[in-house]
Amino acid sequence: MNAASEALARRRTLELSPERFRRLALAATAMLVLIVATGATVRLTGSGLGCPHWPGCQASHVEPKGYHSDVEFSNRVVAFFTVLTTLALAVGAWRARFVSRRVRALATLVFVGTLAQAPLGAITVYYHLNPYLVISHLLLSLVVLGLAAIVLLEATHVVRGGASALPVVARAGGAVLLLAVGVLVVTGTLATAAGPHPGSSGETTVRRIGSFDPAVSLHVGAVAAFGIVFLLVAAWAWRNRASYPWLVRGCAGLLGILLAQMAIGEVQFRTNLPWWLVLVHVVVAATLFTWTVALVARLWRPVAH
């Protein structure tokens, strides 16, 4: 009897509380944003082939030697800790009794998608930074980041409790907004792939996808479409602000990020696209995407105030 009680006590000590699981989801989301930033740094500084082998930089030695290899190897170190964090999230989801099967599946997908970045990165290097592989690498990062944001929302749902469902029109608007932000990030990656930072290293030139001006025009159109859909959702939120004050705050935050992104995009276009400013643009884009996914998810799964 005592042995059974001790075993039960040990099992309970290994379980996460709802608040600790929420913090773990927040840490995983933050690490996934960070890996987008370091991955973009690799591309924009032309360090993609700084470590031509994987997981080490060279066939004869593991440690980096030189500026480009330092940048690329640092990204791999961040990726290692990101994998560990998402693994902890997945294990925590399966250990927590209050987590639903759906959330456990999402947390597992976050880990699997993050882990898949390693072989995809190796394949990308071996194929000399094929632009389509580079785009796939970034888009997979964003998909995993979006899933982590949903897990974070579900963890918050457990901590704070649920609220009444929103009207169908609000949820439908959120679904369209999610589609619009998806088009926005895809066209953004195409514009970056056509720009002056294709990710070359040294004397190795990485080919671009298409021409820069048409790619930028397509991306600007996607920004306009996203803005129109967002304004419709924000207008509905303002009309119903008494019932859903959190939605007004969420839209205000998204508007701030969107305006900052547009300002950065305009400045970088007028200053001949300095790589560090393009990096800021990419990181803000990842933040915009994450915020949008979380906002839409909350439209479908309201959380108590």
Protein backbone atom coordinates (compact mmCIF):
# COMPACT_ATOMS: atom_id res chain seq x y z
CA MET A 1 0.00 0.00 0.00
CA ASN A 2 2.84 2.35 0.90
CA ALA A 3 4.70 1.45 -2.30
CA ALA A 4 1.63 2.29 -4.39
CA SER A 5 1.22 5.61 -2.58
CA GLU A 6 4.87 6.47 -3.11
CA ALA A 7 4.62 5.60 -6.81
CA LEU A 8 1.54 7.80 -7.14
CA ALA A 9 3.30 10.63 -5.33
CA ARG A 10 6.33 10.36 -7.64
CA ARG A 11 4.07 10.42 -10.67
CA ARG A 12 2.33 13.56 -9.46
CA THR A 13 5.64 15.33 -8.87
CA LEU A 14 6.59 14.68 -12.51
CA GLU A 15 3.35 16.21 -13.79
CA LEU A 16 3.26 19.85 -14.79
CA SER A 17 0.81 22.28 -13.30
CA PRO A 18 -1.33 24.23 -15.80
CA GLU A 19 0.68 27.40 -15.19
CA ARG A 20 4.03 25.65 -15.64
CA PHE A 21 2.80 24.03 -18.86
CA ARG A 22 1.76 27.48 -20.07
CA ARG A 23 5.22 28.84 -19.31
CA LEU A 24 6.78 25.92 -21.16
CA ALA A 25 4.59 26.66 -24.19
CA LEU A 26 5.61 30.32 -23.98
CA ALA A 27 9.30 29.35 -23.86
CA ALA A 28 8.90 27.07 -26.89
CA THR A 29 7.14 29.83 -28.83
CA ALA A 30 9.89 32.31 -27.95
CA MET A 31 12.60 29.87 -29.05
CA LEU A 32 10.83 29.30 -32.35
CA VAL A 33 10.76 33.05 -32.99
CA LEU A 34 14.47 33.19 -32.12
CA ILE A 35 15.35 30.40 -34.55
CA VAL A 36 13.54 32.28 -37.32
CA ALA A 37 15.74 35.29 -36.50
CA THR A 38 19.01 33.33 -36.48
CA GLY A 39 18.04 31.43 -39.62
CA ALA A 40 17.30 34.70 -41.41
CA THR A 41 20.66 36.04 -40.21
CA VAL A 42 22.38 33.10 -41.86
CA ARG A 43 20.65 33.79 -45.15
CA LEU A 44 21.00 37.56 -45.17
CA THR A 45 24.71 37.58 -44.26
CA GLY A 46 25.47 35.06 -46.99
CA SER A 47 26.53 32.46 -44.40
CA GLY A 48 24.41 29.59 -45.65
CA LEU A 49 27.44 27.70 -46.92
CA GLY A 50 29.71 28.84 -44.09
CA CYS A 51 29.46 25.31 -42.71
CA PRO A 52 29.38 23.09 -45.81
CA HIS A 53 29.04 19.93 -43.71
CA TRP A 54 26.49 18.86 -41.12
CA PRO A 55 26.33 18.74 -38.13
CA GLY A 56 29.94 19.98 -38.00
CA CYS A 57 31.27 22.83 -40.10
CA GLN A 58 33.97 20.88 -41.94
CA ALA A 59 34.70 17.24 -42.61
CA SER A 60 37.93 17.50 -40.59
CA HIS A 61 36.70 19.57 -37.65
CA VAL A 62 33.43 20.46 -35.95
CA GLU A 63 34.06 23.97 -34.68
CA PRO A 64 33.50 27.01 -36.92
CA LYS A 65 36.40 28.95 -38.41
CA GLY A 66 35.64 32.37 -39.82
CA TYR A 67 32.79 34.87 -39.87
CA HIS A 68 30.34 32.94 -42.07
CA SER A 69 30.93 29.65 -40.28
CA ASP A 70 30.48 31.41 -36.91
CA VAL A 71 27.07 32.71 -38.01
CA GLU A 72 25.93 29.36 -39.41
CA PHE A 73 27.22 27.32 -36.48
CA SER A 74 25.55 29.70 -33.99
CA ASN A 75 22.26 29.09 -35.76
CA ARG A 76 22.77 25.34 -35.35
CA VAL A 77 23.42 25.79 -31.63
CA VAL A 78 20.18 27.78 -31.26
CA ALA A 79 18.40 25.08 -33.26
CA PHE A 80 19.68 22.42 -30.84
CA PHE A 81 18.22 24.23 -27.83
CA THR A 82 15.00 24.89 -29.73
CA VAL A 83 14.62 21.17 -30.36
CA LEU A 84 15.19 20.49 -26.66
CA THR A 85 12.58 23.08 -25.65
CA THR A 86 9.94 21.70 -28.01
CA LEU A 87 10.77 18.17 -26.84
CA ALA A 88 10.13 19.30 -23.28
CA LEU A 89 6.82 20.78 -24.42
CA ALA A 90 5.76 17.52 -26.06
CA VAL A 91 6.79 15.41 -23.06
CA GLY A 92 5.05 17.85 -20.72
CA ALA A 93 1.86 17.65 -22.77
CA TRP A 94 1.82 13.86 -22.50
CA ARG A 95 2.60 13.95 -18.78
CA ALA A 96 -0.10 16.49 -17.89
CA ARG A 97 -3.50 14.97 -17.15
CA PHE A 98 -5.37 18.20 -17.90
CA VAL A 99 -4.13 18.37 -21.51
CA SER A 100 -6.50 17.06 -24.19
CA ARG A 101 -5.48 14.60 -26.89
CA ARG A 102 -5.72 17.33 -29.49
CA VAL A 103 -3.27 19.55 -27.61
CA ARG A 104 -0.94 16.61 -27.07
CA ALA A 105 -1.00 15.96 -30.81
CA LEU A 106 -0.28 19.63 -31.54
CA ALA A 107 2.62 19.72 -29.07
CA THR A 108 4.02 16.56 -30.65
CA LEU A 109 3.74 18.12 -34.11
CA VAL A 110 5.62 21.18 -32.84
CA PHE A 111 8.49 18.94 -31.73
CA VAL A 112 8.46 16.78 -34.87
CA GLY A 113 8.36 19.84 -37.14
CA THR A 114 11.23 21.45 -35.24
CA LEU A 115 13.26 18.25 -35.36
CA ALA A 116 12.58 17.94 -39.10
CA GLN A 117 14.34 21.27 -39.59
CA ALA A 118 17.69 19.58 -38.94
CA PRO A 119 17.66 17.14 -41.89
CA LEU A 120 15.96 19.74 -44.07
CA GLY A 121 18.75 22.18 -43.22
CA ALA A 122 21.36 19.55 -44.07
CA ILE A 123 19.68 18.83 -47.41
CA THR A 124 19.52 22.57 -48.11
CA VAL A 125 23.27 22.90 -47.53
CA TYR A 126 24.13 19.84 -49.62
CA TYR A 127 22.09 21.23 -52.52
CA HIS A 128 23.96 24.55 -52.28
CA LEU A 129 21.05 26.55 -50.87
CA ASN A 130 18.48 25.71 -53.49
CA PRO A 131 16.04 28.63 -53.13
CA TYR A 132 12.98 26.39 -53.03
CA LEU A 133 14.52 24.38 -50.19
CA VAL A 134 15.39 27.61 -48.37
CA ILE A 135 11.79 28.81 -48.69
CA SER A 136 10.50 25.43 -47.49
CA HIS A 137 12.84 25.72 -44.50
CA LEU A 138 11.40 29.12 -43.54
CA LEU A 139 7.78 28.20 -44.17
CA LEU A 140 8.10 25.06 -42.05
CA SER A 141 9.50 27.25 -39.27
CA LEU A 142 6.45 29.50 -39.49
CA VAL A 143 4.01 26.57 -39.53
CA VAL A 144 5.63 25.13 -36.41
CA LEU A 145 5.58 28.57 -34.81
CA GLY A 146 1.87 28.88 -35.53
CA LEU A 147 1.18 25.47 -33.97
CA ALA A 148 3.16 26.48 -30.88
CA ALA A 149 1.04 29.63 -30.59
CA ILE A 150 -2.09 27.47 -30.60
CA VAL A 151 -0.64 25.23 -27.89
CA LEU A 152 0.13 28.35 -25.86
CA LEU A 153 -3.46 29.53 -26.26
CA GLU A 154 -4.78 26.14 -25.18
CA ALA A 155 -2.54 26.24 -22.12
CA THR A 156 -3.90 29.69 -21.31
CA HIS A 157 -7.41 28.29 -21.80
CA VAL A 158 -6.70 25.70 -19.11
CA VAL A 159 -5.30 28.30 -16.70
CA ARG A 160 -7.98 30.96 -17.13
CA GLY A 161 -10.94 28.90 -18.28
CA GLY A 162 -13.12 29.23 -21.35
CA ALA A 163 -15.62 31.88 -22.42
CA SER A 164 -18.78 31.89 -24.50
CA ALA A 165 -18.42 31.24 -28.23
CA LEU A 166 -18.21 34.18 -30.61
CA PRO A 167 -20.73 34.66 -33.45
CA VAL A 168 -20.15 32.80 -36.71
CA VAL A 169 -19.36 36.02 -38.56
CA ALA A 170 -16.43 36.73 -36.24
CA ARG A 171 -15.03 33.22 -36.58
CA ALA A 172 -15.44 33.32 -40.36
CA GLY A 173 -13.62 36.66 -40.48
CA GLY A 174 -10.82 35.13 -38.46
CA ALA A 175 -10.52 32.22 -40.89
CA VAL A 176 -10.20 34.64 -43.82
CA LEU A 177 -7.64 36.65 -41.87
CA LEU A 178 -5.61 33.49 -41.29
CA LEU A 179 -5.69 32.74 -45.02
CA ALA A 180 -4.61 36.31 -45.77
CA VAL A 181 -1.62 36.18 -43.43
CA GLY A 182 -0.61 32.86 -45.00
CA VAL A 183 -0.53 34.49 -48.44
CA LEU A 184 1.32 37.42 -46.90
CA VAL A 185 4.21 35.35 -45.55
CA VAL A 186 4.50 33.22 -48.70
CA THR A 187 4.76 36.28 -50.95
CA GLY A 188 7.22 37.77 -48.48
CA THR A 189 9.53 34.76 -48.79
CA LEU A 190 9.29 35.00 -52.59
CA ALA A 191 10.24 38.68 -52.46
CA THR A 192 13.23 37.90 -50.24
CA ALA A 193 14.30 35.07 -52.55
CA ALA A 194 14.22 37.47 -55.50
CA GLY A 195 16.12 40.22 -53.67
CA PRO A 196 19.80 40.99 -53.27
CA HIS A 197 20.25 38.58 -50.35
CA PRO A 198 19.77 35.10 -51.84
CA GLY A 199 22.14 33.59 -49.27
CA SER A 200 25.38 33.29 -51.23
CA SER A 201 28.65 32.67 -49.42
CA GLY A 202 32.07 33.65 -50.71
CA GLU A 203 32.42 32.91 -54.41
CA THR A 204 29.39 30.62 -54.44
CA THR A 205 26.38 32.37 -55.94
CA VAL A 206 22.91 31.15 -55.05
CA ARG A 207 20.37 31.68 -57.77
CA ARG A 208 17.32 33.82 -57.13
CA ILE A 209 13.66 33.09 -57.81
CA GLY A 210 12.15 35.44 -60.36
CA SER A 211 12.66 39.21 -60.47
CA PHE A 212 12.62 41.51 -57.48
CA ASP A 213 10.17 44.21 -58.62
CA PRO A 214 7.33 41.83 -59.64
CA ALA A 215 7.85 39.83 -56.43
CA VAL A 216 7.63 43.00 -54.33
CA SER A 217 4.48 44.11 -56.19
CA LEU A 218 2.86 40.76 -55.44
CA HIS A 219 3.84 41.08 -51.79
CA VAL A 220 2.46 44.62 -51.57
CA GLY A 221 -0.83 43.35 -52.98
CA ALA A 222 -0.89 40.64 -50.32
CA VAL A 223 -0.27 43.29 -47.63
CA ALA A 224 -3.21 45.32 -48.96
CA ALA A 225 -5.51 42.29 -48.96
CA PHE A 226 -4.46 41.41 -45.41
CA GLY A 227 -5.04 45.00 -44.33
CA ILE A 228 -8.57 45.07 -45.75
CA VAL A 229 -9.56 41.82 -44.05
CA PHE A 230 -7.98 42.97 -40.80
CA LEU A 231 -9.84 46.29 -40.87
CA LEU A 232 -13.15 44.44 -41.29
CA VAL A 233 -12.37 42.24 -38.28
CA ALA A 234 -11.21 45.27 -36.28
CA ALA A 235 -14.38 47.20 -37.17
CA TRP A 236 -16.52 44.31 -35.93
CA ALA A 237 -14.43 44.17 -32.75
CA TRP A 238 -14.93 47.88 -32.13
CA ARG A 239 -18.69 47.64 -32.64
CA ASN A 240 -18.82 44.83 -30.09
CA ARG A 241 -16.15 46.18 -27.74
CA ALA A 242 -18.47 46.02 -24.73
CA SER A 243 -18.81 42.26 -25.12
CA TYR A 244 -15.28 41.48 -26.35
CA PRO A 245 -12.79 44.05 -25.01
CA TRP A 246 -9.94 41.56 -25.38
CA LEU A 247 -10.55 41.44 -29.13
CA VAL A 248 -10.15 45.22 -29.39
CA ARG A 249 -6.83 44.96 -27.55
CA GLY A 250 -5.74 42.09 -29.76
CA CYS A 251 -6.60 44.05 -32.91
CA ALA A 252 -4.80 47.11 -31.57
CA GLY A 253 -1.67 45.06 -31.00
CA LEU A 254 -1.89 43.53 -34.46
CA LEU A 255 -2.38 46.98 -35.99
CA GLY A 256 0.75 48.24 -34.25
CA ILE A 257 2.80 45.32 -35.57
CA LEU A 258 1.37 45.74 -39.07
CA LEU A 259 2.16 49.47 -39.17
CA ALA A 260 5.70 48.82 -37.92
CA GLN A 261 6.16 46.15 -40.57
CA MET A 262 4.94 48.43 -43.33
CA ALA A 263 7.22 51.26 -42.14
CA ILE A 264 10.23 48.95 -42.03
CA GLY A 265 9.41 47.62 -45.48
CA GLU A 266 9.20 51.13 -46.93
CA VAL A 267 12.47 52.20 -45.30
CA GLN A 268 14.38 49.12 -46.42
CA PHE A 269 13.12 49.54 -49.98
CA ARG A 270 14.30 53.16 -50.06
CA THR A 271 17.71 52.39 -48.48
CA ASN A 272 18.78 49.65 -50.91
CA LEU A 273 17.77 46.79 -48.60
CA PRO A 274 20.52 46.66 -45.93
CA TRP A 275 20.66 43.11 -44.64
CA TRP A 276 20.18 44.03 -40.98
CA LEU A 277 16.98 45.93 -41.77
CA VAL A 278 15.70 43.03 -43.86
CA LEU A 279 16.40 40.85 -40.80
CA VAL A 280 14.24 43.13 -38.63
CA HIS A 281 11.55 42.91 -41.32
CA VAL A 282 11.63 39.09 -41.21
CA VAL A 283 11.48 38.95 -37.39
CA VAL A 284 8.56 41.39 -37.27
CA ALA A 285 6.85 39.32 -39.99
CA ALA A 286 7.21 36.21 -37.81
CA THR A 287 5.75 38.17 -34.89
CA LEU A 288 2.87 39.38 -37.06
CA PHE A 289 2.16 35.83 -38.19
CA THR A 290 2.25 34.46 -34.63
CA TRP A 291 0.02 37.22 -33.28
CA THR A 292 -2.50 36.65 -36.09
CA VAL A 293 -2.63 32.90 -35.52
CA ALA A 294 -3.13 33.41 -31.77
CA LEU A 295 -5.85 36.02 -32.36
CA VAL A 296 -7.72 33.81 -34.83
CA ALA A 297 -7.38 30.79 -32.53
CA ARG A 298 -8.90 32.79 -29.69
CA LEU A 299 -11.81 33.75 -31.92
CA TRP A 300 -12.54 30.03 -32.19
CA ARG A 301 -11.49 29.10 -28.64
CA PRO A 302 -12.34 32.09 -26.41
CA VAL A 303 -10.45 32.42 -23.15
CA ALA A 304 -11.91 33.96 -20.01
CA HIS A 305 -10.77 37.52 -19.30
